[in-house]
N, C-alpha and C. Protein backbone atom coordinates (compact mmCIF):
# COMPACT_ATOMS: atom_id res chain seq x y z
N MET A 1 0.64 -1.04 0.30
CA MET A 1 0.01 -0.39 -0.12
C MET A 1 0.89 1.29 -0.15
N ALA A 2 0.59 2.24 -0.83
CA ALA A 2 1.60 3.25 -1.04
C ALA A 2 1.07 4.31 -0.03
N SER A 3 1.86 5.16 0.61
CA SER A 3 1.64 6.11 1.57
C SER A 3 0.41 6.90 1.27
N GLY A 4 -0.22 7.57 2.24
CA GLY A 4 -1.50 8.39 1.62
C GLY A 4 -2.30 9.14 2.86
N THR A 5 -2.77 10.15 2.80
CA THR A 5 -3.17 10.95 3.83
C THR A 5 -4.66 11.13 3.61
N ARG A 6 -5.40 10.57 4.46
CA ARG A 6 -6.78 11.37 4.74
C ARG A 6 -7.21 11.31 6.20
N TYR A 7 -8.03 12.22 6.45
CA TYR A 7 -9.05 12.37 7.60
C TYR A 7 -7.58 13.66 8.36
N GLY A 8 -6.43 13.97 7.60
CA GLY A 8 -5.60 14.52 8.66
C GLY A 8 -4.53 13.17 9.39
N VAL A 9 -4.73 12.08 8.53
CA VAL A 9 -3.41 10.89 9.31
C VAL A 9 -3.06 10.34 7.88
N ASP A 10 -2.10 9.95 7.97
CA ASP A 10 -0.83 9.25 7.12
C ASP A 10 -1.04 7.86 7.74
N ILE A 11 -1.34 7.20 6.13
CA ILE A 11 -1.06 5.25 6.27
C ILE A 11 -0.34 5.40 5.50
N ARG A 12 0.58 4.35 6.32
CA ARG A 12 2.16 3.74 5.76
C ARG A 12 2.55 2.22 6.31
N GLY A 13 3.36 1.71 5.55
CA GLY A 13 3.71 0.24 6.22
C GLY A 13 4.77 1.07 7.34
N ALA A 14 4.76 0.28 8.27
CA ALA A 14 5.65 0.37 9.94
C ALA A 14 6.56 0.65 9.40
N VAL A 15 7.52 0.95 10.40
CA VAL A 15 9.08 0.96 10.44
C VAL A 15 9.40 0.57 11.89
N PRO A 16 10.88 0.42 12.04
CA PRO A 16 11.25 -0.13 13.70
C PRO A 16 10.91 1.21 14.66
N ALA A 17 11.23 2.90 14.14
CA ALA A 17 10.66 3.16 15.07
C ALA A 17 9.53 3.42 15.59
N ASP A 18 8.60 2.65 15.09
CA ASP A 18 6.93 2.83 15.34
C ASP A 18 6.76 1.91 16.76
N ALA A 19 7.72 1.25 17.10
CA ALA A 19 7.74 -0.03 18.04
C ALA A 19 7.15 0.21 19.28
N PRO A 20 7.62 1.56 19.60
CA PRO A 20 7.52 1.83 21.32
C PRO A 20 5.63 2.39 21.12
N ASP A 21 4.72 3.26 20.10
CA ASP A 21 3.70 3.63 19.81
C ASP A 21 2.99 2.37 19.78
N MET A 22 3.02 1.41 19.00
CA MET A 22 2.71 0.30 18.55
C MET A 22 2.45 -0.40 20.03
N ALA A 23 3.78 -0.59 21.09
CA ALA A 23 3.20 -1.55 21.99
C ALA A 23 2.40 -0.43 22.66
N LEU A 24 2.21 0.64 22.93
CA LEU A 24 1.17 1.23 23.71
C LEU A 24 -0.17 0.56 22.99
N LEU A 25 -0.45 0.61 21.94
CA LEU A 25 -1.45 0.62 21.55
C LEU A 25 -2.42 -0.83 21.71
N LEU A 26 -1.41 -2.00 21.72
CA LEU A 26 -1.02 -3.07 21.81
C LEU A 26 -1.67 -3.28 23.76
N ARG A 27 -1.41 -2.44 24.44
CA ARG A 27 -1.59 -2.30 25.53
C ARG A 27 -3.11 -2.02 26.02
N GLN A 28 -2.92 -1.19 25.05
CA GLN A 28 -5.01 -0.73 25.01
C GLN A 28 -5.86 -1.47 25.18
N LEU A 29 -5.31 -2.91 24.16
CA LEU A 29 -6.45 -3.37 24.11
C LEU A 29 -5.75 -4.81 25.15
N GLY A 30 -4.93 -4.88 25.94
CA GLY A 30 -4.96 -5.70 27.06
C GLY A 30 -3.68 -6.56 27.07
N TYR A 31 -2.90 -6.69 25.87
CA TYR A 31 -1.55 -7.14 25.83
C TYR A 31 -0.43 -6.56 26.54
N ALA A 32 0.34 -7.48 27.49
CA ALA A 32 1.03 -6.83 27.66
C ALA A 32 2.57 -7.02 27.06
N VAL A 33 2.58 -5.98 26.21
CA VAL A 33 4.16 -6.17 24.93
C VAL A 33 4.39 -4.96 25.31
N ASP A 34 6.12 -4.84 25.52
CA ASP A 34 6.65 -3.78 25.75
C ASP A 34 7.39 -3.36 24.28
N ALA A 35 8.26 -2.48 24.57
CA ALA A 35 8.94 -1.65 23.09
C ALA A 35 9.54 -2.52 22.26
N ARG A 36 10.24 -3.42 23.21
CA ARG A 36 11.32 -4.28 22.50
C ARG A 36 10.94 -5.61 21.73
N GLU A 37 9.74 -6.14 22.72
CA GLU A 37 8.76 -6.90 22.04
C GLU A 37 8.22 -6.83 20.88
N ALA A 38 7.43 -5.52 20.77
CA ALA A 38 7.00 -4.97 19.58
C ALA A 38 8.05 -4.88 18.67
N ALA A 39 8.83 -3.88 18.64
CA ALA A 39 10.15 -4.48 17.78
C ALA A 39 10.65 -5.25 17.28
N GLU A 40 10.36 -6.70 17.99
CA GLU A 40 10.98 -7.48 17.53
C GLU A 40 9.94 -8.55 16.83
N ARG A 41 8.24 -8.15 17.16
CA ARG A 41 7.32 -8.90 16.36
C ARG A 41 7.48 -8.21 14.90
N LEU A 42 7.54 -6.52 14.84
CA LEU A 42 7.33 -5.92 13.80
C LEU A 42 8.95 -6.52 12.91
N GLU A 43 9.99 -6.54 12.97
CA GLU A 43 10.59 -7.34 12.33
C GLU A 43 10.41 -8.40 11.78
N ARG A 44 9.74 -9.79 12.62
CA ARG A 44 9.06 -10.61 12.26
C ARG A 44 8.43 -10.54 11.29
N ILE A 45 7.82 -9.54 11.19
CA ILE A 45 6.51 -9.48 10.39
C ILE A 45 6.76 -9.19 8.68
N GLY A 46 7.74 -7.94 9.22
CA GLY A 46 8.18 -7.19 8.22
C GLY A 46 8.97 -8.43 7.13
N ARG A 47 9.60 -9.31 7.84
CA ARG A 47 10.04 -10.37 6.34
C ARG A 47 9.32 -11.74 6.21
N ASP A 48 8.43 -11.26 6.55
CA ASP A 48 7.19 -12.45 6.18
C ASP A 48 6.41 -11.86 4.59
N PRO A 49 7.12 -12.71 3.64
CA PRO A 49 6.25 -11.94 2.37
C PRO A 49 4.36 -12.27 2.10
N ASP A 50 4.42 -12.75 3.14
CA ASP A 50 2.53 -12.89 2.89
C ASP A 50 2.08 -12.29 4.33
N GLY A 51 1.92 -10.65 3.85
CA GLY A 51 1.52 -10.19 4.87
C GLY A 51 1.95 -8.63 5.14
N THR A 52 1.27 -7.78 5.80
CA THR A 52 1.85 -6.43 5.70
C THR A 52 1.35 -6.00 6.94
N LEU A 53 2.19 -4.79 7.62
CA LEU A 53 1.78 -4.15 8.76
C LEU A 53 1.47 -2.56 8.46
N LEU A 54 0.57 -2.22 8.71
CA LEU A 54 0.35 -0.65 8.51
C LEU A 54 0.27 0.02 9.34
N VAL A 55 0.38 1.48 9.57
CA VAL A 55 0.03 2.31 10.82
C VAL A 55 -0.64 3.88 10.14
N ALA A 56 -1.46 3.96 11.30
CA ALA A 56 -1.65 5.46 10.98
C ALA A 56 -1.07 6.34 11.91
N THR A 57 -0.55 7.80 11.44
CA THR A 57 -0.18 8.91 12.27
C THR A 57 -0.49 10.09 12.32
N GLY A 58 -0.79 10.42 13.18
CA GLY A 58 -1.13 11.76 13.48
C GLY A 58 -0.14 12.90 12.95
N PHE A 59 -1.00 14.13 12.91
CA PHE A 59 -0.19 15.19 12.58
C PHE A 59 1.63 15.35 12.95
N ASP A 60 1.56 14.88 14.22
CA ASP A 60 3.17 15.11 15.00
C ASP A 60 3.60 13.67 14.67
N GLY A 61 3.31 12.55 14.13
CA GLY A 61 3.79 11.50 13.18
C GLY A 61 3.99 9.79 14.08
N ALA A 62 3.41 10.64 15.44
CA ALA A 62 3.22 9.55 16.23
C ALA A 62 1.91 8.25 15.74
N VAL A 63 2.02 7.05 16.25
CA VAL A 63 1.13 5.98 15.68
C VAL A 63 0.31 6.25 16.06
N ILE A 64 -1.32 5.89 15.88
CA ILE A 64 -2.12 6.20 16.52
C ILE A 64 -3.32 4.89 15.98
N GLY A 65 -2.78 4.14 15.24
CA GLY A 65 -3.78 2.84 14.70
C GLY A 65 -2.44 2.13 13.97
N LEU A 66 -3.10 0.97 13.92
CA LEU A 66 -2.04 -0.18 13.50
C LEU A 66 -3.55 -1.30 12.62
N VAL A 67 -2.89 -2.01 11.72
CA VAL A 67 -3.74 -3.17 11.36
C VAL A 67 -2.68 -3.73 10.51
N ALA A 68 -2.28 -5.19 11.18
CA ALA A 68 -2.05 -6.29 10.55
C ALA A 68 -2.85 -7.59 9.49
N VAL A 69 -2.34 -7.57 8.34
CA VAL A 69 -2.89 -8.59 7.53
C VAL A 69 -1.97 -9.58 6.91
N HIS A 70 -2.39 -10.71 7.28
CA HIS A 70 -1.69 -11.96 6.90
C HIS A 70 -2.25 -12.69 5.78
N TRP A 71 -1.66 -13.24 4.72
CA TRP A 71 -2.77 -14.01 3.84
C TRP A 71 -1.69 -15.69 3.84
N CYS A 72 -2.80 -16.35 3.23
CA CYS A 72 -2.30 -17.67 3.13
C CYS A 72 -3.04 -18.72 2.41
N THR A 73 -2.51 -19.37 1.69
CA THR A 73 -3.81 -20.30 0.82
C THR A 73 -4.30 -21.54 1.36
N MET A 74 -5.49 -21.85 1.42
CA MET A 74 -5.74 -23.13 1.88
C MET A 74 -6.52 -23.97 1.28
N MET A 75 -6.66 -24.97 1.46
CA MET A 75 -7.23 -26.27 0.60
C MET A 75 -8.53 -25.87 0.24
N GLN A 76 -9.76 -25.38 0.80
CA GLN A 76 -10.71 -25.19 0.62
C GLN A 76 -10.82 -23.73 -0.19
N GLN A 77 -10.46 -22.98 -0.64
CA GLN A 77 -10.41 -21.69 -1.62
C GLN A 77 -9.37 -21.66 -2.74
N GLU A 78 -10.09 -21.33 -3.53
CA GLU A 78 -9.01 -21.08 -5.08
C GLU A 78 -8.34 -20.08 -4.62
N ARG A 79 -8.19 -19.17 -4.08
CA ARG A 79 -7.32 -18.06 -4.15
C ARG A 79 -6.79 -17.83 -2.35
N PRO A 80 -6.05 -17.02 -2.28
CA PRO A 80 -5.40 -17.25 -0.85
C PRO A 80 -6.68 -16.48 -0.59
N VAL A 81 -6.35 -16.60 0.98
CA VAL A 81 -7.46 -15.59 1.97
C VAL A 81 -6.54 -15.07 3.10
N ALA A 82 -6.79 -13.87 2.99
CA ALA A 82 -6.22 -12.84 3.96
C ALA A 82 -7.34 -12.54 5.52
N ARG A 83 -6.59 -12.64 6.62
CA ARG A 83 -7.06 -11.95 7.77
C ARG A 83 -6.13 -11.08 8.24
N ILE A 84 -6.91 -10.19 9.33
CA ILE A 84 -6.57 -8.88 9.87
C ILE A 84 -6.62 -10.06 11.08
N THR A 85 -5.28 -9.80 11.60
CA THR A 85 -4.51 -10.32 13.12
C THR A 85 -4.83 -9.35 14.17
N THR A 86 -4.20 -8.34 13.76
CA THR A 86 -4.47 -7.01 14.74
C THR A 86 -4.94 -6.18 13.89
N MET A 87 -6.36 -4.96 15.08
CA MET A 87 -6.51 -3.66 14.43
C MET A 87 -6.62 -2.92 15.42
N VAL A 88 -6.17 -1.78 15.78
CA VAL A 88 -6.40 -1.00 16.70
C VAL A 88 -6.38 0.27 16.44
N VAL A 89 -7.28 1.34 17.04
CA VAL A 89 -6.73 2.50 17.08
C VAL A 89 -6.61 3.31 18.34
N ASP A 90 -6.03 4.30 18.12
CA ASP A 90 -5.65 4.60 20.31
C ASP A 90 -7.39 4.93 20.27
N ASP A 91 -7.19 4.85 21.54
CA ASP A 91 -8.55 4.94 22.20
C ASP A 91 -9.23 6.49 22.41
N ARG A 92 -8.13 7.36 22.31
CA ARG A 92 -8.25 8.95 22.52
C ARG A 92 -8.86 9.58 20.59
N GLU A 93 -8.34 8.53 19.68
CA GLU A 93 -8.54 9.05 18.48
C GLU A 93 -9.50 8.17 17.88
N ARG A 94 -10.19 7.17 18.58
CA ARG A 94 -11.82 6.84 17.52
C ARG A 94 -12.68 7.43 17.49
N ARG A 95 -13.08 7.15 16.54
CA ARG A 95 -14.65 7.73 15.48
C ARG A 95 -14.29 8.68 14.91
N ARG A 96 -13.06 9.15 14.61
CA ARG A 96 -12.71 9.73 13.56
C ARG A 96 -12.35 9.26 12.30
N GLY A 97 -12.62 7.94 11.80
CA GLY A 97 -12.70 7.73 10.16
C GLY A 97 -11.03 7.26 10.29
N ILE A 98 -10.56 6.60 11.29
CA ILE A 98 -8.75 5.76 11.45
C ILE A 98 -9.21 4.70 11.12
N GLY A 99 -9.86 3.93 11.94
CA GLY A 99 -10.77 2.42 11.84
C GLY A 99 -10.87 1.97 10.19
N ARG A 100 -11.63 3.07 9.36
CA ARG A 100 -12.23 2.60 8.32
C ARG A 100 -11.38 2.70 7.46
N THR A 101 -10.65 3.67 7.37
CA THR A 101 -9.15 4.24 6.95
C THR A 101 -8.27 3.04 6.60
N LEU A 102 -7.96 2.69 7.77
CA LEU A 102 -7.10 1.43 7.93
C LEU A 102 -7.21 0.03 7.53
N MET A 103 -8.26 -0.15 7.80
CA MET A 103 -9.23 -1.41 7.34
C MET A 103 -9.38 -1.71 5.57
N LYS A 104 -9.92 -0.06 5.33
CA LYS A 104 -9.32 0.18 3.43
C LYS A 104 -7.92 -0.25 2.84
N ALA A 105 -7.39 0.27 3.95
CA ALA A 105 -5.20 0.03 3.41
C ALA A 105 -5.24 -1.66 3.44
N GLY A 106 -5.53 -1.98 4.27
CA GLY A 106 -5.40 -3.87 4.68
C GLY A 106 -6.27 -4.29 3.49
N ALA A 107 -7.66 -4.01 3.22
CA ALA A 107 -8.49 -4.51 1.76
C ALA A 107 -7.22 -4.59 0.63
N GLN A 108 -6.89 -3.34 0.67
CA GLN A 108 -6.41 -3.23 -0.66
C GLN A 108 -5.02 -4.00 -0.26
N ALA A 109 -4.10 -4.27 0.00
CA ALA A 109 -3.24 -4.89 0.13
C ALA A 109 -3.57 -6.34 0.15
N ALA A 110 -4.46 -6.97 0.84
CA ALA A 110 -4.78 -7.90 0.31
C ALA A 110 -5.35 -8.52 -0.86
N ARG A 111 -6.23 -7.54 -2.05
CA ARG A 111 -6.36 -7.27 -3.19
C ARG A 111 -5.19 -7.61 -3.69
N ALA A 112 -4.32 -7.08 -3.73
CA ALA A 112 -2.90 -7.04 -4.47
C ALA A 112 -2.10 -8.02 -4.07
N ALA A 113 -2.32 -8.85 -3.28
CA ALA A 113 -2.14 -10.09 -3.22
C ALA A 113 -2.83 -11.21 -3.46
N GLY A 114 -3.82 -11.11 -4.21
CA GLY A 114 -4.49 -12.15 -4.64
C GLY A 114 -5.60 -12.40 -4.07
N CYS A 115 -5.89 -12.07 -3.17
CA CYS A 115 -6.77 -12.53 -2.25
C CYS A 115 -8.23 -12.31 -2.48
N ASP A 116 -9.51 -13.12 -2.32
CA ASP A 116 -10.54 -12.66 -2.53
C ASP A 116 -11.81 -12.65 -1.21
N VAL A 117 -10.73 -13.07 0.04
CA VAL A 117 -11.68 -13.32 1.17
C VAL A 117 -10.97 -12.51 2.37
N LEU A 118 -11.24 -11.55 2.90
CA LEU A 118 -10.73 -10.60 4.34
C LEU A 118 -11.67 -11.25 5.10
N GLU A 119 -10.90 -11.89 6.43
CA GLU A 119 -11.65 -12.42 7.68
C GLU A 119 -10.76 -11.64 8.60
N LEU A 120 -10.96 -12.07 9.82
CA LEU A 120 -11.02 -11.34 11.17
C LEU A 120 -11.81 -12.11 12.75
N THR A 121 -10.95 -11.63 13.58
CA THR A 121 -11.32 -12.44 14.49
C THR A 121 -11.30 -11.55 15.70
N THR A 122 -12.25 -11.62 16.46
CA THR A 122 -12.18 -10.82 17.32
C THR A 122 -12.47 -11.20 18.91
N ALA A 123 -12.15 -10.74 20.02
CA ALA A 123 -12.48 -11.60 21.47
C ALA A 123 -14.09 -10.94 21.55
N LEU A 124 -14.89 -12.03 22.24
CA LEU A 124 -16.29 -11.99 22.40
C LEU A 124 -17.09 -10.58 23.38
N HIS A 125 -15.91 -10.07 24.05
CA HIS A 125 -16.22 -9.22 25.00
C HIS A 125 -16.08 -7.75 23.99
N ARG A 126 -15.25 -7.67 23.16
CA ARG A 126 -14.88 -6.32 22.26
C ARG A 126 -16.23 -6.28 21.72
N THR A 127 -17.59 -5.51 22.16
CA THR A 127 -19.07 -5.42 21.45
C THR A 127 -18.74 -4.19 20.67
N GLU A 128 -18.15 -3.07 20.99
CA GLU A 128 -18.04 -2.24 19.97
C GLU A 128 -17.03 -2.64 18.99
N ALA A 129 -16.04 -3.34 19.24
CA ALA A 129 -15.28 -3.74 17.55
C ALA A 129 -16.43 -4.53 16.55
N GLN A 130 -17.01 -5.54 17.47
CA GLN A 130 -17.98 -5.86 16.47
C GLN A 130 -18.93 -5.50 15.79
N ALA A 131 -19.38 -4.25 16.59
CA ALA A 131 -20.25 -3.24 15.90
C ALA A 131 -19.55 -2.60 14.60
N PHE A 132 -18.81 -2.18 14.71
CA PHE A 132 -17.81 -1.49 13.96
C PHE A 132 -17.56 -2.00 12.93
N TYR A 133 -16.99 -3.49 13.05
CA TYR A 133 -16.61 -4.69 11.52
C TYR A 133 -18.10 -4.66 11.10
N GLN A 134 -19.17 -4.94 11.74
CA GLN A 134 -20.43 -5.41 10.69
C GLN A 134 -20.95 -4.27 10.19
N SER A 135 -20.46 -2.67 10.65
CA SER A 135 -20.86 -1.72 10.11
C SER A 135 -20.08 -1.14 8.63
N ILE A 136 -18.71 -2.19 8.69
CA ILE A 136 -18.05 -1.90 7.00
C ILE A 136 -18.29 -3.05 6.55
N GLY A 137 -19.21 -3.81 6.72
CA GLY A 137 -18.97 -5.01 6.13
C GLY A 137 -19.11 -6.33 6.02
N PHE A 138 -17.99 -6.69 7.34
CA PHE A 138 -18.18 -7.78 7.98
C PHE A 138 -19.15 -8.73 8.58
N MET A 139 -19.58 -9.90 8.25
CA MET A 139 -20.49 -10.52 8.72
C MET A 139 -19.99 -12.01 9.57
N LEU A 140 -20.80 -12.23 10.67
CA LEU A 140 -20.29 -13.20 11.44
C LEU A 140 -20.78 -14.41 10.32
N THR A 141 -19.62 -15.51 10.01
CA THR A 141 -19.67 -16.63 9.42
C THR A 141 -19.07 -17.96 10.26
N ALA A 142 -18.54 -17.92 11.28
CA ALA A 142 -17.83 -18.94 11.43
C ALA A 142 -17.47 -18.53 12.82
N GLN A 143 -17.22 -20.07 14.00
CA GLN A 143 -17.07 -19.81 15.20
C GLN A 143 -15.61 -20.03 15.23
N ARG A 144 -14.42 -19.88 16.11
CA ARG A 144 -13.49 -19.87 16.28
C ARG A 144 -13.55 -20.75 17.73
N PHE A 145 -12.36 -21.57 17.90
CA PHE A 145 -12.03 -22.47 18.77
C PHE A 145 -10.31 -22.30 18.83
N SER A 146 -9.87 -22.02 20.15
CA SER A 146 -8.86 -22.45 20.19
C SER A 146 -7.74 -23.23 21.43
N ARG A 147 -7.05 -23.25 21.41
CA ARG A 147 -6.67 -23.94 22.52
C ARG A 147 -4.91 -24.05 22.94
N SER A 148 -3.93 -23.99 23.94
CA SER A 148 -2.64 -23.33 23.99
C SER A 148 -1.80 -25.13 23.64
N LEU A 149 -1.23 -24.52 22.97
CA LEU A 149 -0.07 -25.84 22.48
C LEU A 149 1.22 -26.05 23.48
N ARG A 150 1.03 -25.00 24.64
CA ARG A 150 2.07 -25.09 25.82
C ARG A 150 1.72 -26.23 26.53
N LYS A 151 2.65 -27.15 27.05
CA LYS A 151 2.83 -28.28 27.76
C LYS A 151 2.49 -27.52 29.57
N LYS A 152 1.38 -28.26 29.98
CA LYS A 152 1.14 -27.51 31.41
C LYS A 152 2.21 -28.05 32.17
N LYS A 153 2.30 -27.37 32.95
CA LYS A 153 3.35 -27.61 34.39
C LYS A 153 3.07 -28.49 35.21
N ALA A 154 3.94 -29.36 35.68
CA ALA A 154 3.59 -30.33 36.23
C ALA A 154 3.78 -29.80 38.14
């Protein structure tokens, strides 16, 4: 996705200097991520050709939103499927169109990668996020189950 400005917000690919701001955003979602961990994850995602990490920056250059999109080939689909794995806008910046702009940029990246489907998951308690996703055309189509793969300590 090429950089672009809308609503006074710039959308661009994430860079290592964004890690501290990204860690703050992830903590707003309840994830205990520090700047070092955010930098490591950003670097790993940056090496993966099957995804992108886009940020929204405000007038001062601070990261105020991010969307991570990954795509993969699935047996049941003819073309790759894209999944939004992270989406957050700073809680002080919400309801300004930033989330919609990030989601459009993520969808554009997925289309450019040859994807026909864009999906996402969200926690059951994030009812505001669910309402937002439905307002921009996402439909509830499946139920997700998960389990830990870590061995239990004796």
